[in-house]
């Protein structure tokens, strides 16, 4: 009798461990964020005869280098496995930067960065935030710390921290994706204004 009971305990434990009863993980819904089709077609024409801006691939710390949506309470970050992005935030920014920065007036953007490419400036960015922040209300926050380099990539010309926070209407996939999209749009618009207005005299002195 005892042997039979022990056998049943082992079977039940094996079932739970294998995920057959209540152990199956919740499948994530994938959230799409990027440049809208209208925005991506707005500045498709290649501008000839103006300086080129080469954009390096974005990077981030490991906590943000994941597809899972991050929920933050102040400085504490936790993944929420109900939702995932289509790629990591760095990959999303990589795909978004080209179409967004193509709308600059004074530079022709080239992305991704290619060694040997003739360019006037090189832009690199570190993603500092890409999460739903719940400390003071529910806000989706996106932030990038940029570095602007000369054509050789050896001399740092300028730094810029750009961020955006968009209120999230409710905690559901659609609202999170919508707020993230608006935050990314805001970051890219501010990036365009900053780079496009970069002092041409400084550029001419550092690219000779």
N, C-alpha and C. Protein backbone atom coordinates (compact mmCIF):
# COMPACT_ATOMS: atom_id res chain seq x y z
N UNK A 1 0.82 -1.20 0.00
CA UNK A 1 0.00 0.00 0.00
C UNK A 1 0.87 1.27 0.00
N UNK A 2 1.87 1.24 0.88
CA UNK A 2 2.78 2.40 0.96
C UNK A 2 3.52 2.58 -0.35
N UNK A 3 3.91 1.43 -0.94
CA UNK A 3 4.62 1.50 -2.23
C UNK A 3 3.74 2.11 -3.30
N UNK A 4 2.44 1.75 -3.29
CA UNK A 4 1.51 2.30 -4.28
C UNK A 4 1.33 3.80 -4.09
N UNK A 5 1.22 4.24 -2.84
CA UNK A 5 1.07 5.67 -2.56
C UNK A 5 2.29 6.45 -3.01
N UNK A 6 3.47 5.89 -2.71
CA UNK A 6 4.70 6.56 -3.14
C UNK A 6 4.79 6.64 -4.65
N UNK A 7 4.29 5.57 -5.30
CA UNK A 7 4.29 5.58 -6.76
C UNK A 7 3.39 6.66 -7.32
N UNK A 8 2.21 6.84 -6.71
CA UNK A 8 1.29 7.89 -7.16
C UNK A 8 1.89 9.27 -6.95
N UNK A 9 2.59 9.47 -5.83
CA UNK A 9 3.23 10.76 -5.57
C UNK A 9 4.27 11.07 -6.64
N UNK A 10 5.05 10.07 -7.00
CA UNK A 10 6.07 10.26 -8.03
C UNK A 10 5.44 10.62 -9.36
N UNK A 11 4.32 9.95 -9.73
CA UNK A 11 3.64 10.22 -11.00
C UNK A 11 3.10 11.64 -11.02
N UNK A 12 2.43 12.04 -9.93
CA UNK A 12 1.86 13.39 -9.86
C UNK A 12 2.96 14.44 -9.94
N UNK A 13 4.06 14.22 -9.25
CA UNK A 13 5.18 15.17 -9.29
C UNK A 13 5.73 15.28 -10.70
N UNK A 14 5.81 14.14 -11.39
CA UNK A 14 6.34 14.16 -12.75
C UNK A 14 5.41 14.93 -13.69
N UNK A 15 4.11 14.79 -13.48
CA UNK A 15 3.13 15.49 -14.32
C UNK A 15 3.26 17.00 -14.14
N UNK A 16 3.35 17.44 -12.88
CA UNK A 16 3.48 18.88 -12.63
C UNK A 16 4.80 19.42 -13.15
N UNK A 17 5.86 18.65 -12.97
CA UNK A 17 7.17 19.08 -13.46
C UNK A 17 7.18 19.20 -14.96
N UNK A 18 6.50 18.31 -15.64
CA UNK A 18 6.46 18.33 -17.11
C UNK A 18 5.52 19.37 -17.67
N UNK A 19 4.73 20.00 -16.79
CA UNK A 19 3.86 21.08 -17.26
C UNK A 19 2.54 20.60 -17.83
N UNK A 20 2.15 19.34 -17.54
CA UNK A 20 0.90 18.83 -18.10
C UNK A 20 -0.31 19.37 -17.37
N UNK A 21 -0.16 19.70 -16.08
CA UNK A 21 -1.28 20.26 -15.31
C UNK A 21 -0.84 21.59 -14.74
N UNK A 22 -1.31 22.66 -15.34
CA UNK A 22 -1.06 23.99 -14.79
C UNK A 22 0.36 24.48 -14.97
N UNK A 23 1.22 23.71 -15.61
CA UNK A 23 2.60 24.12 -15.75
C UNK A 23 2.92 24.78 -17.07
N UNK A 24 1.95 24.83 -17.97
CA UNK A 24 2.19 25.40 -19.29
C UNK A 24 2.33 26.92 -19.17
N UNK A 25 3.40 27.46 -19.74
CA UNK A 25 3.62 28.90 -19.66
C UNK A 25 2.64 29.64 -20.56
N UNK A 26 2.33 30.86 -20.17
CA UNK A 26 1.40 31.68 -20.94
C UNK A 26 2.10 32.16 -22.21
N UNK A 27 1.46 31.96 -23.34
CA UNK A 27 2.05 32.38 -24.61
C UNK A 27 1.97 33.90 -24.73
N UNK A 28 3.08 34.53 -25.11
CA UNK A 28 3.12 35.98 -25.22
C UNK A 28 2.36 36.46 -26.44
N UNK A 29 1.79 37.66 -26.32
CA UNK A 29 1.29 38.38 -27.49
C UNK A 29 2.41 39.29 -27.96
N UNK A 30 2.64 39.33 -29.26
CA UNK A 30 3.72 40.15 -29.80
C UNK A 30 3.20 41.53 -30.14
N UNK A 31 3.93 42.55 -29.69
CA UNK A 31 3.54 43.94 -29.91
C UNK A 31 4.43 44.53 -31.00
N UNK A 32 3.80 45.19 -31.96
CA UNK A 32 4.54 45.77 -33.09
C UNK A 32 4.74 47.26 -32.85
N UNK A 33 5.99 47.69 -32.92
CA UNK A 33 6.35 49.10 -32.78
C UNK A 33 7.37 49.44 -33.84
N UNK A 34 7.21 50.57 -34.49
CA UNK A 34 8.16 50.98 -35.52
C UNK A 34 7.62 52.18 -36.25
N UNK A 35 8.20 52.49 -37.37
CA UNK A 35 7.73 53.63 -38.16
C UNK A 35 6.52 53.21 -38.97
N UNK A 36 5.47 54.03 -38.96
CA UNK A 36 4.28 53.73 -39.73
C UNK A 36 4.59 53.78 -41.22
N UNK A 37 3.77 53.15 -42.02
CA UNK A 37 4.02 53.11 -43.47
C UNK A 37 4.03 54.50 -44.08
N UNK A 38 3.16 55.39 -43.59
CA UNK A 38 3.13 56.76 -44.13
C UNK A 38 4.43 57.48 -43.83
N UNK A 39 4.93 57.32 -42.59
CA UNK A 39 6.16 58.00 -42.20
C UNK A 39 7.36 57.45 -42.96
N UNK A 40 7.37 56.13 -43.20
CA UNK A 40 8.52 55.52 -43.85
C UNK A 40 8.61 55.92 -45.31
N UNK A 41 7.49 56.32 -45.92
CA UNK A 41 7.48 56.71 -47.33
C UNK A 41 7.64 58.22 -47.51
N UNK A 42 7.61 58.97 -46.42
CA UNK A 42 7.60 60.43 -46.52
C UNK A 42 8.90 60.99 -47.07
N UNK A 43 10.02 60.37 -46.75
CA UNK A 43 11.32 60.94 -47.13
C UNK A 43 12.20 59.88 -47.80
N UNK A 44 11.64 59.17 -48.76
CA UNK A 44 12.35 58.09 -49.42
C UNK A 44 13.39 58.59 -50.43
N UNK A 45 13.21 59.79 -50.94
CA UNK A 45 14.12 60.29 -51.97
C UNK A 45 15.51 60.52 -51.40
N UNK A 46 16.53 60.01 -52.11
CA UNK A 46 17.91 60.17 -51.67
C UNK A 46 18.38 61.59 -51.98
N UNK A 47 18.94 62.25 -50.98
CA UNK A 47 19.43 63.62 -51.15
C UNK A 47 20.89 63.56 -51.57
N UNK A 48 21.21 64.06 -52.72
CA UNK A 48 22.57 64.02 -53.23
C UNK A 48 23.27 65.35 -52.98
N UNK A 49 24.58 65.27 -52.79
CA UNK A 49 25.38 66.49 -52.64
C UNK A 49 25.37 67.09 -51.25
N UNK A 50 24.84 66.36 -50.26
CA UNK A 50 24.88 66.87 -48.89
C UNK A 50 25.64 65.87 -48.02
N UNK A 51 26.16 66.29 -46.86
CA UNK A 51 26.93 65.37 -46.00
C UNK A 51 26.13 64.15 -45.59
N UNK A 52 26.84 63.04 -45.41
CA UNK A 52 26.21 61.78 -44.98
C UNK A 52 26.40 61.57 -43.48
N UNK A 53 25.33 61.11 -42.86
CA UNK A 53 25.37 60.72 -41.46
C UNK A 53 25.25 59.21 -41.39
N UNK A 54 26.29 58.54 -40.88
CA UNK A 54 26.26 57.08 -40.70
C UNK A 54 25.80 56.77 -39.29
N UNK A 55 24.83 55.87 -39.16
CA UNK A 55 24.27 55.52 -37.85
C UNK A 55 24.72 54.11 -37.47
N UNK A 56 25.41 54.02 -36.34
CA UNK A 56 25.82 52.71 -35.84
C UNK A 56 24.62 52.00 -35.22
N UNK A 57 24.73 50.70 -35.08
CA UNK A 57 23.66 49.94 -34.45
C UNK A 57 23.51 50.34 -32.99
N UNK A 58 22.27 50.43 -32.54
CA UNK A 58 22.00 50.79 -31.16
C UNK A 58 22.38 49.64 -30.23
N UNK A 59 22.74 49.99 -29.01
CA UNK A 59 23.06 48.99 -27.99
C UNK A 59 22.32 49.33 -26.71
N UNK A 60 22.26 48.35 -25.80
CA UNK A 60 21.62 48.59 -24.50
C UNK A 60 22.21 47.62 -23.50
N UNK A 61 21.95 47.88 -22.23
CA UNK A 61 22.36 46.97 -21.18
C UNK A 61 21.55 45.67 -21.29
N UNK A 62 22.05 44.56 -20.72
CA UNK A 62 21.38 43.26 -20.88
C UNK A 62 19.91 43.24 -20.43
N UNK A 63 19.56 44.01 -19.39
CA UNK A 63 18.18 43.98 -18.90
C UNK A 63 17.19 44.43 -19.97
N UNK A 64 17.62 45.35 -20.84
CA UNK A 64 16.76 45.84 -21.91
C UNK A 64 17.00 45.11 -23.24
N UNK A 65 18.01 44.27 -23.27
CA UNK A 65 18.36 43.58 -24.51
C UNK A 65 17.56 42.28 -24.61
N UNK A 66 16.24 42.42 -24.62
CA UNK A 66 15.34 41.27 -24.65
C UNK A 66 14.03 41.68 -25.29
N UNK A 67 13.29 40.71 -25.77
CA UNK A 67 12.03 41.00 -26.45
C UNK A 67 10.88 41.19 -25.46
N UNK A 68 11.00 40.65 -24.27
CA UNK A 68 9.91 40.73 -23.29
C UNK A 68 9.70 42.17 -22.85
N UNK A 69 8.43 42.56 -22.74
CA UNK A 69 8.10 43.90 -22.25
C UNK A 69 8.54 44.03 -20.79
N UNK A 70 9.17 45.15 -20.47
CA UNK A 70 9.66 45.40 -19.12
C UNK A 70 8.72 46.34 -18.38
N UNK A 71 8.32 45.95 -17.17
CA UNK A 71 7.53 46.79 -16.29
C UNK A 71 8.45 47.29 -15.18
N UNK A 72 8.51 48.61 -14.98
CA UNK A 72 9.42 49.17 -13.99
C UNK A 72 8.64 49.86 -12.87
N UNK A 73 9.14 49.66 -11.65
CA UNK A 73 8.64 50.37 -10.48
C UNK A 73 9.82 51.15 -9.93
N UNK A 74 9.99 52.39 -10.41
CA UNK A 74 11.19 53.13 -10.07
C UNK A 74 12.40 52.49 -10.74
N UNK A 75 13.37 52.08 -9.93
CA UNK A 75 14.60 51.50 -10.45
C UNK A 75 14.56 49.98 -10.54
N UNK A 76 13.43 49.39 -10.21
CA UNK A 76 13.29 47.93 -10.25
C UNK A 76 12.59 47.53 -11.54
N UNK A 77 13.28 46.73 -12.36
CA UNK A 77 12.75 46.30 -13.65
C UNK A 77 12.37 44.83 -13.59
N UNK A 78 11.17 44.52 -14.09
CA UNK A 78 10.73 43.12 -14.11
C UNK A 78 10.10 42.82 -15.46
N UNK A 79 10.46 41.69 -16.08
CA UNK A 79 9.83 41.30 -17.35
C UNK A 79 8.39 40.84 -17.13
N UNK A 80 7.52 41.20 -18.04
CA UNK A 80 6.13 40.73 -18.02
C UNK A 80 5.93 39.83 -19.23
N UNK A 81 5.81 38.54 -18.97
CA UNK A 81 5.81 37.56 -20.06
C UNK A 81 4.49 37.48 -20.82
N UNK A 82 3.54 38.34 -20.46
CA UNK A 82 2.30 38.38 -21.25
C UNK A 82 2.53 38.99 -22.62
N UNK A 83 3.55 39.87 -22.72
CA UNK A 83 3.77 40.60 -23.99
C UNK A 83 5.24 40.57 -24.36
N UNK A 84 5.48 40.52 -25.65
CA UNK A 84 6.84 40.61 -26.18
C UNK A 84 6.84 41.54 -27.39
N UNK A 85 7.96 42.23 -27.59
CA UNK A 85 8.14 43.01 -28.81
C UNK A 85 8.52 42.07 -29.94
N UNK A 86 8.45 42.56 -31.17
CA UNK A 86 8.86 41.74 -32.31
C UNK A 86 10.37 41.53 -32.35
N UNK A 87 11.10 42.37 -31.68
CA UNK A 87 12.55 42.23 -31.56
C UNK A 87 13.00 42.94 -30.30
N UNK A 88 14.28 42.95 -30.04
CA UNK A 88 14.78 43.69 -28.89
C UNK A 88 14.64 45.19 -29.15
N UNK A 89 14.62 46.02 -28.11
CA UNK A 89 14.56 47.47 -28.34
C UNK A 89 15.67 47.97 -29.27
N UNK A 90 16.88 47.42 -29.14
CA UNK A 90 17.97 47.85 -30.02
C UNK A 90 17.64 47.54 -31.48
N UNK A 91 17.07 46.37 -31.74
CA UNK A 91 16.70 46.01 -33.11
C UNK A 91 15.58 46.91 -33.64
N UNK A 92 14.64 47.24 -32.76
CA UNK A 92 13.54 48.12 -33.16
C UNK A 92 14.07 49.51 -33.50
N UNK A 93 14.98 50.04 -32.67
CA UNK A 93 15.57 51.35 -32.96
C UNK A 93 16.40 51.31 -34.23
N UNK A 94 17.11 50.21 -34.47
CA UNK A 94 17.89 50.08 -35.70
C UNK A 94 17.01 50.25 -36.93
N UNK A 95 15.85 49.60 -36.91
CA UNK A 95 14.95 49.65 -38.06
C UNK A 95 14.21 50.98 -38.16
N UNK A 96 14.01 51.64 -37.04
CA UNK A 96 13.25 52.88 -37.02
C UNK A 96 14.10 54.08 -37.40
N UNK A 97 15.38 54.06 -37.04
CA UNK A 97 16.23 55.24 -37.21
C UNK A 97 16.38 55.64 -38.67
N UNK A 98 16.55 54.68 -39.56
CA UNK A 98 16.76 55.01 -40.97
C UNK A 98 15.64 55.84 -41.57
N UNK A 99 14.41 55.31 -41.57
CA UNK A 99 13.29 56.09 -42.12
C UNK A 99 13.05 57.40 -41.40
N UNK A 100 13.21 57.42 -40.08
CA UNK A 100 12.95 58.65 -39.32
C UNK A 100 13.99 59.73 -39.64
N UNK A 101 15.26 59.36 -39.64
CA UNK A 101 16.32 60.35 -39.87
C UNK A 101 16.46 60.72 -41.34
N UNK A 102 15.81 59.98 -42.22
CA UNK A 102 15.84 60.34 -43.65
C UNK A 102 15.15 61.67 -43.91
N UNK A 103 14.36 62.14 -42.95
CA UNK A 103 13.65 63.40 -43.13
C UNK A 103 14.48 64.61 -42.72
N UNK A 104 15.76 64.42 -42.40
CA UNK A 104 16.62 65.57 -42.12
C UNK A 104 16.85 66.38 -43.40
N UNK A 105 17.07 67.66 -43.24
CA UNK A 105 17.31 68.54 -44.39
C UNK A 105 18.79 68.67 -44.74
N UNK A 106 19.66 68.57 -43.73
CA UNK A 106 21.07 68.88 -43.93
C UNK A 106 21.99 67.67 -44.05
N UNK A 107 21.45 66.47 -43.82
CA UNK A 107 22.26 65.26 -43.90
C UNK A 107 21.46 64.14 -44.58
N UNK A 108 22.18 63.31 -45.29
CA UNK A 108 21.60 62.08 -45.84
C UNK A 108 22.01 60.94 -44.93
N UNK A 109 21.04 60.24 -44.37
CA UNK A 109 21.34 59.20 -43.40
C UNK A 109 21.68 57.89 -44.11
N UNK A 110 22.66 57.20 -43.56
CA UNK A 110 23.03 55.87 -44.06
C UNK A 110 23.05 54.93 -42.86
N UNK A 111 22.23 53.91 -42.89
CA UNK A 111 22.16 52.94 -41.81
C UNK A 111 21.85 51.57 -42.40
N UNK A 112 22.51 50.51 -41.89
CA UNK A 112 23.46 50.54 -40.78
C UNK A 112 24.83 51.05 -41.21
N UNK A 113 25.62 51.40 -40.23
CA UNK A 113 26.97 51.90 -40.44
C UNK A 113 27.82 50.86 -41.18
N UNK A 114 28.59 51.32 -42.16
CA UNK A 114 29.49 50.43 -42.88
C UNK A 114 30.90 51.02 -42.85
N UNK A 115 31.87 50.26 -42.36
CA UNK A 115 33.26 50.76 -42.38
C UNK A 115 33.69 51.07 -43.81
N UNK A 116 34.41 52.16 -43.98
CA UNK A 116 34.88 52.54 -45.31
C UNK A 116 33.93 53.46 -46.05
N UNK A 117 32.73 53.63 -45.53
CA UNK A 117 31.76 54.52 -46.16
C UNK A 117 32.20 55.97 -46.00
N UNK A 118 32.15 56.73 -47.07
CA UNK A 118 32.48 58.15 -46.98
C UNK A 118 31.34 58.87 -46.27
N UNK A 119 31.65 59.50 -45.13
CA UNK A 119 30.61 60.16 -44.35
C UNK A 119 31.19 61.39 -43.67
N UNK A 120 30.30 62.25 -43.20
CA UNK A 120 30.72 63.46 -42.49
C UNK A 120 30.64 63.27 -40.98
N UNK A 121 29.64 62.50 -40.54
CA UNK A 121 29.42 62.29 -39.12
C UNK A 121 29.03 60.84 -38.86
N UNK A 122 29.28 60.40 -37.64
CA UNK A 122 28.85 59.07 -37.20
C UNK A 122 28.04 59.24 -35.92
N UNK A 123 26.87 58.61 -35.89
CA UNK A 123 26.00 58.70 -34.72
C UNK A 123 25.88 57.33 -34.07
N UNK A 124 26.10 57.29 -32.76
CA UNK A 124 25.89 56.04 -32.01
C UNK A 124 24.93 56.33 -30.86
N UNK A 125 24.20 55.31 -30.43
CA UNK A 125 23.22 55.51 -29.38
C UNK A 125 23.12 54.33 -28.44
N UNK A 126 23.00 54.62 -27.16
CA UNK A 126 22.79 53.60 -26.13
C UNK A 126 21.38 53.77 -25.58
N UNK A 127 20.57 52.74 -25.65
CA UNK A 127 19.20 52.80 -25.14
C UNK A 127 19.25 52.72 -23.62
N UNK A 128 18.76 53.75 -22.97
CA UNK A 128 18.78 53.83 -21.51
C UNK A 128 17.46 53.38 -20.88
N UNK A 129 16.37 53.57 -21.61
CA UNK A 129 15.05 53.17 -21.11
C UNK A 129 14.18 52.73 -22.27
N UNK A 130 13.42 51.68 -22.02
CA UNK A 130 12.38 51.26 -22.96
C UNK A 130 11.45 50.36 -22.17
N UNK A 131 10.65 51.01 -21.30
CA UNK A 131 9.85 50.23 -20.36
C UNK A 131 8.59 50.98 -19.95
N UNK A 132 7.65 50.23 -19.42
CA UNK A 132 6.45 50.80 -18.83
C UNK A 132 6.77 51.14 -17.38
N UNK A 133 6.83 52.42 -17.08
CA UNK A 133 7.20 52.90 -15.74
C UNK A 133 5.92 53.16 -14.93
N UNK A 134 5.84 52.54 -13.74
CA UNK A 134 4.62 52.62 -12.93
C UNK A 134 4.86 53.34 -11.60
N UNK A 135 5.95 54.06 -11.48
CA UNK A 135 6.25 54.72 -10.21
C UNK A 135 5.31 55.88 -9.96
N UNK A 136 5.15 56.78 -10.90
CA UNK A 136 4.27 57.95 -10.77
C UNK A 136 3.24 57.89 -11.90
N UNK A 137 2.23 57.06 -11.74
CA UNK A 137 1.29 56.84 -12.84
C UNK A 137 1.87 55.80 -13.78
N UNK A 138 1.21 55.59 -14.88
CA UNK A 138 1.64 54.57 -15.85
C UNK A 138 2.07 55.26 -17.13
N UNK A 139 3.37 55.28 -17.34
CA UNK A 139 3.97 56.01 -18.45
C UNK A 139 4.96 55.10 -19.16
N UNK A 140 4.88 55.09 -20.49
CA UNK A 140 5.91 54.36 -21.23
C UNK A 140 7.07 55.31 -21.50
N UNK A 141 8.26 54.88 -21.11
CA UNK A 141 9.43 55.74 -21.21
C UNK A 141 10.44 55.14 -22.19
N UNK A 142 10.90 55.98 -23.10
CA UNK A 142 11.99 55.61 -24.02
C UNK A 142 13.06 56.68 -23.91
N UNK A 143 14.31 56.26 -23.83
CA UNK A 143 15.41 57.21 -23.70
C UNK A 143 16.66 56.66 -24.37
N UNK A 144 17.41 57.55 -25.02
CA UNK A 144 18.66 57.18 -25.70
C UNK A 144 19.73 58.21 -25.36
N UNK A 145 20.93 57.74 -25.06
CA UNK A 145 22.07 58.64 -24.92
C UNK A 145 22.90 58.54 -26.19
N UNK A 146 22.95 59.65 -26.92
CA UNK A 146 23.64 59.69 -28.21
C UNK A 146 25.05 60.22 -28.08
N UNK A 147 25.91 59.76 -28.97
CA UNK A 147 27.24 60.34 -29.16
C UNK A 147 27.39 60.64 -30.65
N UNK A 148 27.87 61.84 -30.94
CA UNK A 148 28.08 62.26 -32.33
C UNK A 148 29.58 62.39 -32.57
N UNK A 149 30.07 61.65 -33.56
CA UNK A 149 31.51 61.56 -33.80
C UNK A 149 31.86 62.18 -35.15
N UNK A 150 33.14 62.53 -35.29
CA UNK A 150 33.61 63.04 -36.57
C UNK A 150 33.68 61.89 -37.58
N UNK A 151 34.11 62.20 -38.79
CA UNK A 151 34.08 61.21 -39.87
C UNK A 151 34.98 60.01 -39.59
N UNK A 152 36.03 60.18 -38.77
CA UNK A 152 36.93 59.07 -38.46
C UNK A 152 36.39 58.18 -37.35
N UNK A 153 35.41 58.69 -36.61
CA UNK A 153 34.88 57.95 -35.47
C UNK A 153 35.78 58.00 -34.26
N UNK A 154 36.77 58.87 -34.28
CA UNK A 154 37.74 58.95 -33.18
C UNK A 154 37.54 60.17 -32.29
N UNK A 155 36.99 61.23 -32.85
CA UNK A 155 36.81 62.45 -32.06
C UNK A 155 35.33 62.67 -31.76
N UNK A 156 35.02 62.74 -30.48
CA UNK A 156 33.65 62.97 -30.04
C UNK A 156 33.32 64.45 -30.16
N UNK A 157 32.27 64.77 -30.90
CA UNK A 157 31.88 66.16 -31.13
C UNK A 157 30.77 66.63 -30.20
N UNK A 158 29.87 65.73 -29.86
CA UNK A 158 28.73 66.14 -29.03
C UNK A 158 28.07 64.92 -28.41
N UNK A 159 27.40 65.17 -27.29
CA UNK A 159 26.56 64.15 -26.65
C UNK A 159 25.16 64.73 -26.46
N UNK A 160 24.19 63.83 -26.40
CA UNK A 160 22.81 64.29 -26.19
C UNK A 160 21.98 63.16 -25.58
N UNK A 161 21.31 63.49 -24.47
CA UNK A 161 20.38 62.54 -23.86
C UNK A 161 18.96 62.94 -24.26
N UNK A 162 18.27 62.05 -24.93
CA UNK A 162 16.92 62.34 -25.43
C UNK A 162 15.96 61.32 -24.86
N UNK A 163 14.87 61.80 -24.29
CA UNK A 163 13.89 60.90 -23.72
C UNK A 163 12.47 61.37 -24.02
N UNK A 164 11.54 60.46 -23.86
CA UNK A 164 10.12 60.78 -24.03
C UNK A 164 9.31 59.86 -23.12
N UNK A 165 8.26 60.41 -22.54
CA UNK A 165 7.36 59.63 -21.70
C UNK A 165 5.92 59.85 -22.14
N UNK A 166 5.22 58.77 -22.42
CA UNK A 166 3.84 58.85 -22.91
C UNK A 166 2.93 58.08 -21.95
N UNK A 167 1.86 58.73 -21.44
CA UNK A 167 0.92 58.02 -20.56
C UNK A 167 0.31 56.80 -21.25
N UNK A 168 0.16 55.73 -20.48
CA UNK A 168 -0.47 54.50 -20.99
C UNK A 168 -1.92 54.48 -20.50
N UNK A 169 -2.84 54.36 -21.45
CA UNK A 169 -4.26 54.46 -21.10
C UNK A 169 -4.71 53.34 -20.18
N UNK A 170 -4.28 52.12 -20.46
CA UNK A 170 -4.61 50.97 -19.62
C UNK A 170 -3.55 49.90 -19.83
N UNK A 171 -3.49 48.97 -18.88
CA UNK A 171 -2.46 47.95 -18.96
C UNK A 171 -2.95 46.80 -19.83
N UNK A 172 -2.86 47.01 -21.12
CA UNK A 172 -3.16 45.96 -22.10
C UNK A 172 -2.21 46.13 -23.28
N UNK A 173 -2.10 45.10 -24.09
CA UNK A 173 -1.13 45.09 -25.16
C UNK A 173 -1.27 46.25 -26.13
N UNK A 174 -2.50 46.54 -26.54
CA UNK A 174 -2.72 47.62 -27.51
C UNK A 174 -2.27 48.97 -26.95
N UNK A 175 -2.64 49.26 -25.70
CA UNK A 175 -2.29 50.56 -25.10
C UNK A 175 -0.79 50.69 -24.90
N UNK A 176 -0.13 49.61 -24.49
CA UNK A 176 1.32 49.64 -24.30
C UNK A 176 2.02 49.88 -25.63
N UNK A 177 1.59 49.17 -26.67
CA UNK A 177 2.20 49.33 -27.99
C UNK A 177 1.99 50.75 -28.53
N UNK A 178 0.80 51.29 -28.33
CA UNK A 178 0.49 52.64 -28.81
C UNK A 178 1.36 53.67 -28.10
N UNK A 179 1.50 53.55 -26.78
CA UNK A 179 2.33 54.49 -26.03
C UNK A 179 3.80 54.35 -26.42
N UNK A 180 4.27 53.13 -26.62
CA UNK A 180 5.65 52.91 -27.03
C UNK A 180 5.92 53.53 -28.40
N UNK A 181 4.94 53.40 -29.30
CA UNK A 181 5.09 53.99 -30.63
C UNK A 181 5.22 55.51 -30.54
N UNK A 182 4.37 56.12 -29.74
CA UNK A 182 4.42 57.58 -29.60
C UNK A 182 5.73 58.02 -28.94
N UNK A 183 6.21 57.25 -27.96
CA UNK A 183 7.47 57.60 -27.30
C UNK A 183 8.63 57.51 -28.29
N UNK A 184 8.66 56.46 -29.11
CA UNK A 184 9.72 56.32 -30.11
C UNK A 184 9.65 57.44 -31.14
N UNK A 185 8.43 57.79 -31.58
CA UNK A 185 8.27 58.88 -32.54
C UNK A 185 8.83 60.19 -31.96
N UNK A 186 8.54 60.43 -30.69
CA UNK A 186 9.02 61.65 -30.05
C UNK A 186 10.54 61.67 -29.96
N UNK A 187 11.13 60.54 -29.56
CA UNK A 187 12.60 60.45 -29.48
C UNK A 187 13.22 60.71 -30.85
N UNK A 188 12.65 60.12 -31.90
CA UNK A 188 13.22 60.29 -33.23
C UNK A 188 13.05 61.72 -33.75
N UNK A 189 11.92 62.35 -33.44
CA UNK A 189 11.72 63.74 -33.85
C UNK A 189 12.74 64.66 -33.18
N UNK A 190 12.99 64.42 -31.90
CA UNK A 190 13.98 65.23 -31.17
C UNK A 190 15.39 64.95 -31.71
N UNK A 191 15.64 63.71 -32.11
CA UNK A 191 16.94 63.36 -32.68
C UNK A 191 17.17 64.08 -34.00
N UNK A 192 16.15 64.12 -34.84
CA UNK A 192 16.23 64.83 -36.12
C UNK A 192 16.55 66.30 -35.89
N UNK A 193 15.84 66.94 -34.97
CA UNK A 193 16.05 68.36 -34.69
C UNK A 193 17.48 68.61 -34.21
N UNK A 194 17.97 67.73 -33.31
CA UNK A 194 19.31 67.91 -32.76
C UNK A 194 20.40 67.75 -33.84
N UNK A 195 20.35 66.63 -34.57
CA UNK A 195 21.39 66.36 -35.56
C UNK A 195 21.31 67.36 -36.72
N UNK A 196 20.10 67.65 -37.19
CA UNK A 196 19.94 68.54 -38.33
C UNK A 196 20.41 69.96 -38.01
N UNK A 197 20.35 70.32 -36.74
CA UNK A 197 20.77 71.66 -36.35
C UNK A 197 22.21 71.71 -35.87
N UNK A 198 22.96 70.60 -36.05
CA UNK A 198 24.35 70.59 -35.59
C UNK A 198 25.15 71.65 -36.32
N UNK A 199 25.98 72.38 -35.59
CA UNK A 199 26.74 73.53 -36.11
C UNK A 199 27.61 73.12 -37.30
N UNK A 200 27.32 73.68 -38.46
CA UNK A 200 28.06 73.33 -39.67
C UNK A 200 29.51 73.79 -39.61
N UNK A 201 29.80 74.85 -38.84
CA UNK A 201 31.17 75.33 -38.71
C UNK A 201 32.02 74.30 -37.95
N UNK A 202 31.44 73.73 -36.89
CA UNK A 202 32.14 72.68 -36.15
C UNK A 202 32.38 71.49 -37.06
N UNK A 203 31.37 71.16 -37.87
CA UNK A 203 31.51 70.04 -38.80
C UNK A 203 32.65 70.28 -39.78
N UNK A 204 32.71 71.46 -40.36
CA UNK A 204 33.74 71.75 -41.37
C UNK A 204 35.13 71.71 -40.75
N UNK A 205 35.26 72.13 -39.49
CA UNK A 205 36.58 72.12 -38.84
C UNK A 205 37.04 70.71 -38.53
N UNK A 206 36.06 69.78 -38.30
CA UNK A 206 36.42 68.44 -37.86
C UNK A 206 36.37 67.40 -38.98
N UNK A 207 36.08 67.79 -40.19
CA UNK A 207 36.04 66.82 -41.27
C UNK A 207 37.06 67.12 -42.34
N UNK A 208 37.91 68.11 -42.12
CA UNK A 208 38.95 68.44 -43.09
C UNK A 208 40.09 67.44 -42.99
